[in-house]
């Protein structure tokens, strides 16, 4: 079971940070909680600044990369994951 809350985009000088909260919904059992999040199609591995200990893979059906990891969480435990990536959508002032 996974409960993920995506808080998109804390903008910081030419980078974007995507955050997700992964929660064990059980109040009594330790659980393995899988996390998987697709990245925007414009994002490639070279655009990732920091993904922590998340792994990255490519899904040809979706034509997009994704990050993933299984978390061993105690009852009601939550962890926040962050992926920092380059702002590939930034438009130069002279192009506007």
Foldseek 3Di string as FASTA:
>chain_A
DWDWDWDWFDDDDQKTKIKIKTWDAAQQDWDWTKDKDWDPLVDDPVFWPDFDPWDKDADVVVNTIMTIDIDGGGHGDMDMTMTMGGPPVDDDPVVD
